[in-house]
Every structure is written in structure tokens, then in C-alpha cells.
N, C-alpha and C. Protein backbone atom coordinates (compact mmCIF):
# COMPACT_ATOMS: atom_id res chain seq x y z
N ASP A 1 1.03 -1.23 0.37
CA ASP A 1 -0.26 -0.33 -0.14
C ASP A 1 1.04 0.94 0.34
N VAL A 2 0.65 2.13 -1.32
CA VAL A 2 1.52 3.94 -1.17
C VAL A 2 1.43 4.57 0.09
N ASP A 3 -0.12 4.46 1.41
CA ASP A 3 -0.15 4.92 2.22
C ASP A 3 1.09 4.39 3.40
N ASP A 4 1.23 3.43 3.08
CA ASP A 4 2.08 2.44 4.01
C ASP A 4 3.61 2.34 4.01
N ILE A 5 4.44 3.44 4.37
CA ILE A 5 5.68 2.69 4.04
C ILE A 5 6.44 3.27 5.32
N ASP A 6 7.68 2.97 4.88
CA ASP A 6 8.83 3.38 6.34
C ASP A 6 9.10 4.90 6.06
N LEU A 7 9.47 5.58 7.40
CA LEU A 7 9.42 7.27 7.85
C LEU A 7 10.97 7.25 6.78
N TYR A 8 11.57 6.30 7.46
CA TYR A 8 13.05 6.37 6.85
C TYR A 8 13.39 6.68 5.27
N THR A 9 12.60 4.95 5.31
CA THR A 9 12.65 4.93 3.24
C THR A 9 11.85 5.67 2.25
N GLY A 10 11.01 6.25 2.77
CA GLY A 10 10.23 7.33 2.36
C GLY A 10 10.80 8.59 2.10
N GLY A 11 11.83 9.05 3.19
CA GLY A 11 12.76 9.95 3.27
C GLY A 11 13.43 10.34 2.29
N MET A 12 14.49 8.62 2.47
CA MET A 12 15.73 8.49 1.36
C MET A 12 15.14 8.49 0.27
N ALA A 13 14.13 7.65 0.00
CA ALA A 13 13.62 8.47 -1.59
C ALA A 13 12.91 9.46 -1.88
N GLU A 14 12.96 10.51 -1.51
CA GLU A 14 12.44 11.55 -2.02
C GLU A 14 13.73 12.57 -2.47
N LYS A 15 12.88 12.84 -3.61
CA LYS A 15 14.17 14.30 -4.08
C LYS A 15 14.53 15.21 -3.22
N PRO A 16 15.76 15.46 -3.15
CA PRO A 16 16.28 16.71 -2.28
C PRO A 16 15.44 18.07 -3.01
N ILE A 17 15.28 19.18 -1.72
CA ILE A 17 14.59 20.32 -2.02
C ILE A 17 15.61 21.04 -2.84
N LYS A 18 15.54 22.33 -3.15
CA LYS A 18 16.16 23.02 -4.06
C LYS A 18 17.56 23.45 -2.91
N ASP A 19 18.64 23.28 -3.36
CA ASP A 19 19.66 23.82 -2.68
C ASP A 19 19.67 23.18 -1.16
N GLY A 20 19.54 21.81 -0.91
CA GLY A 20 19.70 20.97 0.03
C GLY A 20 19.84 19.34 -0.31
N LEU A 21 20.31 18.70 0.66
CA LEU A 21 20.44 17.59 0.52
C LEU A 21 19.79 16.34 1.01
N VAL A 22 18.49 17.11 1.30
CA VAL A 22 17.10 15.90 1.71
C VAL A 22 15.86 16.55 1.08
N GLY A 23 15.23 15.48 1.46
CA GLY A 23 13.77 15.70 0.64
C GLY A 23 12.77 16.50 1.81
N PRO A 24 12.04 16.98 1.25
CA PRO A 24 11.08 17.79 2.13
C PRO A 24 10.99 17.41 3.19
N THR A 25 10.53 16.24 3.29
CA THR A 25 9.70 15.37 4.44
C THR A 25 11.40 15.59 5.75
N PHE A 26 12.57 15.40 5.76
CA PHE A 26 13.50 15.14 6.33
C PHE A 26 14.22 16.48 6.39
N ALA A 27 13.60 17.28 5.83
CA ALA A 27 14.08 18.61 5.90
C ALA A 27 13.18 19.36 6.91
N CYS A 28 11.69 18.86 7.44
CA CYS A 28 10.91 19.82 7.78
C CYS A 28 11.48 19.24 9.07
N ILE A 29 11.85 17.88 9.37
CA ILE A 29 12.12 17.35 10.73
C ILE A 29 13.04 17.74 11.06
N ILE A 30 14.42 17.85 10.69
CA ILE A 30 15.70 18.16 10.83
C ILE A 30 15.30 19.99 11.19
N SER A 31 14.51 20.84 10.56
CA SER A 31 14.68 22.07 10.77
C SER A 31 13.82 22.32 12.29
N ASP A 32 12.44 21.22 12.15
CA ASP A 32 12.17 21.26 13.55
C ASP A 32 13.18 21.15 15.19
N GLN A 33 14.02 20.14 14.78
CA GLN A 33 14.79 19.79 16.10
C GLN A 33 15.79 20.68 15.91
N PHE A 34 15.94 21.98 15.10
CA PHE A 34 17.02 22.32 15.16
C PHE A 34 16.36 23.64 15.73
N ILE A 35 15.07 23.83 15.02
CA ILE A 35 14.47 25.53 15.97
C ILE A 35 14.21 24.98 17.45
N ARG A 36 13.74 23.85 17.75
CA ARG A 36 13.58 23.18 19.42
C ARG A 36 14.94 23.48 20.23
N LEU A 37 16.06 23.12 19.74
CA LEU A 37 17.06 23.24 20.48
C LEU A 37 17.56 24.13 20.60
N LYS A 38 17.89 25.34 19.38
CA LYS A 38 17.74 26.64 19.83
C LYS A 38 17.80 27.03 20.84
N ARG A 39 16.05 27.43 20.59
CA ARG A 39 15.22 28.03 21.57
C ARG A 39 15.16 27.38 22.52
N GLY A 40 15.73 26.15 22.95
CA GLY A 40 15.71 25.47 24.18
C GLY A 40 16.95 25.93 25.10
N ASP A 41 17.84 26.29 24.60
CA ASP A 41 18.92 26.57 24.92
C ASP A 41 19.25 27.92 25.22
N ARG A 42 19.46 28.18 26.71
CA ARG A 42 19.40 29.39 27.57
C ARG A 42 20.74 29.89 27.08
N PHE A 43 21.88 29.21 26.48
CA PHE A 43 22.99 29.69 26.33
C PHE A 43 23.44 29.85 24.80
N TRP A 44 22.58 29.49 23.73
CA TRP A 44 22.29 29.88 22.40
C TRP A 44 22.77 31.40 22.48
N TYR A 45 24.14 31.89 21.35
CA TYR A 45 24.27 32.90 21.56
C TYR A 45 23.34 34.13 20.98
N GLU A 46 22.43 33.38 20.13
CA GLU A 46 21.24 34.54 19.98
C GLU A 46 20.40 34.51 20.92
N ASN A 47 20.01 33.85 22.12
CA ASN A 47 19.25 34.05 23.09
C ASN A 47 19.42 35.42 23.69
N ASP A 48 18.55 35.91 24.05
CA ASP A 48 18.65 37.61 24.77
C ASP A 48 18.51 36.78 26.54
N SER A 49 18.06 35.67 27.18
CA SER A 49 17.70 35.56 28.48
C SER A 49 18.90 34.91 28.85
N GLY A 50 20.23 34.75 28.31
CA GLY A 50 20.94 34.35 29.40
C GLY A 50 22.37 35.16 30.25
N PRO A 51 22.57 34.37 30.79
CA PRO A 51 23.61 35.60 31.96
C PRO A 51 23.97 36.57 31.23
N TYR A 52 24.78 36.31 29.98
CA TYR A 52 25.51 37.68 29.60
C TYR A 52 25.05 37.35 27.92
N PRO A 53 24.03 38.28 27.75
CA PRO A 53 23.65 38.04 26.23
C PRO A 53 24.24 39.41 25.56
N PHE A 54 24.51 38.80 24.44
CA PHE A 54 25.05 39.91 23.13
C PHE A 54 24.47 40.92 22.84
N THR A 55 25.03 41.99 22.83
CA THR A 55 24.31 43.12 21.68
C THR A 55 23.97 43.05 20.69
N LYS A 56 22.65 43.68 20.14
CA LYS A 56 22.35 43.98 18.83
C LYS A 56 23.49 44.16 17.82
N ASP A 57 24.76 44.99 18.11
CA ASP A 57 25.72 45.29 17.74
C ASP A 57 26.72 44.32 17.40
N GLN A 58 26.95 43.59 18.38
CA GLN A 58 27.69 42.12 18.50
C GLN A 58 26.79 41.22 17.83
N LEU A 59 25.51 40.77 17.65
CA LEU A 59 25.13 39.69 17.42
C LEU A 59 25.50 39.90 15.27
N ARG A 60 25.08 41.30 15.04
CA ARG A 60 25.65 41.70 13.48
C ARG A 60 27.06 41.48 13.09
N GLU A 61 27.34 41.98 14.15
CA GLU A 61 29.04 41.24 14.12
C GLU A 61 29.13 39.68 13.72
N ILE A 62 28.95 38.94 14.62
CA ILE A 62 28.98 37.58 14.71
C ILE A 62 28.39 37.05 12.99
N HIS A 63 27.18 37.67 12.93
CA HIS A 63 26.52 36.97 11.73
C HIS A 63 27.63 37.74 10.58
N HIS A 64 28.20 39.06 10.48
CA HIS A 64 28.93 39.48 9.18
C HIS A 64 29.69 38.04 8.93
N THR A 65 30.65 37.11 10.22
CA THR A 65 31.76 36.19 10.05
C THR A 65 31.55 34.99 9.14
N THR A 66 32.58 34.78 8.23
CA THR A 66 32.04 34.15 7.41
C THR A 66 33.46 32.64 7.90
N LEU A 67 33.30 31.89 7.46
CA LEU A 67 33.97 30.25 7.96
C LEU A 67 35.33 30.56 7.26
N SER A 68 34.88 31.29 5.95
CA SER A 68 36.31 31.19 4.98
C SER A 68 37.02 32.40 5.55
N ARG A 69 36.68 33.48 6.81
CA ARG A 69 37.51 34.26 6.69
C ARG A 69 38.45 33.85 8.44
N ILE A 70 37.45 33.04 9.10
CA ILE A 70 38.23 32.58 10.63
C ILE A 70 39.05 31.17 9.61
N LEU A 71 38.60 30.69 8.75
CA LEU A 71 40.24 29.77 8.50
C LEU A 71 41.17 30.70 7.56
N CYS A 72 41.46 31.42 6.97
CA CYS A 72 42.19 32.07 6.58
C CYS A 72 42.93 32.76 7.99
N ASP A 73 42.14 33.32 8.95
CA ASP A 73 43.07 34.14 10.60
C ASP A 73 43.51 32.86 10.83
N THR A 74 43.24 32.25 10.95
CA THR A 74 43.47 30.56 11.89
C THR A 74 44.82 29.52 11.75
N ILE A 75 44.69 29.64 10.23
CA ILE A 75 45.89 28.83 9.52
C ILE A 75 46.85 29.22 8.94
N PRO A 76 47.94 28.82 9.09
CA PRO A 76 49.57 29.96 9.34
C PRO A 76 49.57 29.37 7.96
N ASP A 77 49.80 30.51 6.61
CA ASP A 77 50.33 29.91 5.70
C ASP A 77 49.47 29.99 4.41
N LEU A 78 47.70 29.92 5.09
CA LEU A 78 47.03 29.38 4.00
C LEU A 78 46.78 31.11 3.01
N GLY A 79 47.22 30.85 1.94
CA GLY A 79 46.85 31.84 1.12
C GLY A 79 45.93 32.51 -0.07
N SER A 80 45.12 30.91 -0.10
CA SER A 80 43.87 31.27 -0.30
C SER A 80 42.59 30.49 -0.23
N ILE A 81 41.23 30.85 -0.21
CA ILE A 81 40.50 29.48 0.14
C ILE A 81 39.69 30.05 -0.52
N GLN A 82 38.13 29.08 -0.62
CA GLN A 82 37.09 29.32 -1.94
C GLN A 82 36.23 30.04 -1.23
N LYS A 83 35.11 30.78 -1.57
CA LYS A 83 34.34 31.81 -0.84
C LYS A 83 33.68 30.87 0.16
N TRP A 84 33.09 29.41 -0.24
CA TRP A 84 32.13 28.51 0.66
C TRP A 84 33.18 27.62 0.62
N PRO A 85 33.88 27.17 1.53
CA PRO A 85 34.99 26.56 2.07
C PRO A 85 34.57 24.99 2.05
N LEU A 86 33.44 24.97 2.08
CA LEU A 86 32.61 23.29 2.48
C LEU A 86 32.21 22.71 1.28
N ARG A 87 32.17 23.47 -0.17
CA ARG A 87 31.72 23.17 -0.91
C ARG A 87 32.82 23.11 -1.70
N LYS A 88 33.13 22.03 -2.77
CA LYS A 88 33.89 22.39 -3.88
C LYS A 88 33.89 23.60 -4.84
N PHE A 89 35.16 23.24 -4.94
CA PHE A 89 35.80 24.67 -5.96
C PHE A 89 35.79 24.60 -7.18
N ASP A 90 34.87 25.63 -7.68
CA ASP A 90 34.14 25.50 -9.28
C ASP A 90 34.45 26.98 -9.75
N THR A 91 33.62 27.38 -10.82
CA THR A 91 33.64 28.69 -11.61
C THR A 91 32.66 29.46 -10.44
N ASN A 92 31.66 28.50 -9.82
CA ASN A 92 30.61 29.68 -9.19
C ASN A 92 31.19 29.62 -7.09
N ASN A 93 32.67 28.65 -7.37
CA ASN A 93 32.99 29.12 -5.63
C ASN A 93 34.39 28.67 -5.56
N PRO A 94 34.99 30.00 -6.48
CA PRO A 94 36.16 30.85 -6.75
C PRO A 94 37.01 30.42 -5.52
N ARG A 95 38.25 30.02 -5.67
CA ARG A 95 39.64 30.52 -4.49
C ARG A 95 39.60 32.46 -4.57
N LEU A 96 39.71 32.74 -3.31
CA LEU A 96 40.11 34.13 -3.01
C LEU A 96 41.03 34.32 -2.35
N PRO A 97 42.07 35.04 -2.22
CA PRO A 97 43.37 35.49 -1.97
C PRO A 97 42.75 35.37 -0.28
N CYS A 98 43.53 35.36 0.93
CA CYS A 98 43.37 35.83 2.18
C CYS A 98 43.07 37.07 2.38
N SER A 99 44.02 37.71 1.75
CA SER A 99 44.45 38.86 1.95
C SER A 99 43.43 39.74 1.51
N SER A 100 42.82 39.65 0.46
CA SER A 100 41.70 40.34 -0.05
C SER A 100 40.69 40.49 0.77
N ASN A 101 40.04 41.49 0.55
CA ASN A 101 39.14 42.52 1.44
C ASN A 101 37.61 41.85 0.92
N THR A 102 37.70 41.12 0.11
CA THR A 102 36.46 40.29 -0.67
C THR A 102 35.66 39.68 0.44
N ILE A 103 37.09 38.81 1.61
CA ILE A 103 36.66 37.75 2.53
C ILE A 103 35.98 38.76 3.98
N PRO A 104 35.26 38.93 4.47
CA PRO A 104 34.93 40.01 5.27
C PRO A 104 35.41 39.77 6.48
N ARG A 105 36.41 41.04 7.37
CA ARG A 105 37.06 40.83 8.35
C ARG A 105 36.08 40.80 9.42
N PHE A 106 36.18 40.26 10.58
CA PHE A 106 36.02 40.48 11.74
C PHE A 106 36.43 41.26 12.87
N SER A 107 35.82 41.84 13.35
CA SER A 107 36.12 43.21 14.46
C SER A 107 35.73 43.44 15.58
N LEU A 108 36.63 43.54 16.41
CA LEU A 108 36.15 43.47 17.60
C LEU A 108 35.69 44.72 18.63
N ALA A 109 35.63 45.73 17.60
CA ALA A 109 35.19 46.61 18.02
C ALA A 109 34.13 46.72 19.06
N GLU A 110 33.15 45.99 18.50
CA GLU A 110 31.74 46.48 19.47
C GLU A 110 32.09 45.14 20.82
N TRP A 111 32.92 45.00 20.90
CA TRP A 111 33.37 44.15 22.22
C TRP A 111 34.45 44.52 23.10
N GLU A 112 34.93 46.28 22.99
CA GLU A 112 35.39 47.17 23.46
C GLU A 112 34.74 48.06 24.12
N GLU A 113 35.48 48.26 26.05
CA GLU A 113 34.70 48.89 26.92
C GLU A 113 34.89 50.00 26.94
N GLY A 114 34.51 50.86 27.29
CA GLY A 114 35.05 52.28 27.62
C GLY A 114 35.89 52.31 28.52
N ASP A 115 36.22 53.64 28.71
CA ASP A 115 36.77 54.03 29.74
C ASP A 115 36.36 53.53 31.38
N ILE A 116 37.55 53.16 32.05
CA ILE A 116 37.03 51.79 33.40
C ILE A 116 37.55 53.64 34.34
């Protein structure tokens, strides 16, 4: 019977959603689980109910950060990297020099404290 199918088997048989690796059923389940984990964790960096929440300006700077910049800044002698480092290199994901301003730089200015 077409209505009597195992969740895992059915989910694996679905075609992936646009720009995704899984189909709509698994995408919905994964999304729901992530939202529950994020909202339920009082220490999640975006939650403002924790003991020391980030300011809006600090969050904006965090969201501005890219994995490419983190890798460029922490791996010695890394001369260049793809814009999206977890995706394969191709014409849509070219390597960029780490010295380039094309990869946004992280600023700690929002964490500076005033005169004490």
C-alpha cells in the first residue's frame, strides 16, 4: 500500500529540496529539531535571556563573519580559500586570496569597553 511506508525509507526516496541534501520530509524534521534545540538552550548565542547576552551590534558582527575568514585568520600560510569552503571549488565558488577584502574581516570593536 502506497500509504504504508517506513519514514526512513520514504524520506530517503524523496528528491532533495532546492539547494538541499534531503527531501521535504527530512528537511522539515531537521528544521523543527534545530529550532527546538536553539530556543530551548538558554546559552545559545542568539538568545537574549542568558546571563550575558550579546548586544545587537555584537550579533550583527558575529553574523557578518564567514568560515572562510576564520580559516584564513587561523591557518598559518593559507594563501587562498573558496568563498564557501565546505563546497567544492568551481567557477561559482572560486578561490579568493586571504589578503583580499572580498572575504569580510571580523572586528572586535563592538566588544571594546569604555573608560573604566
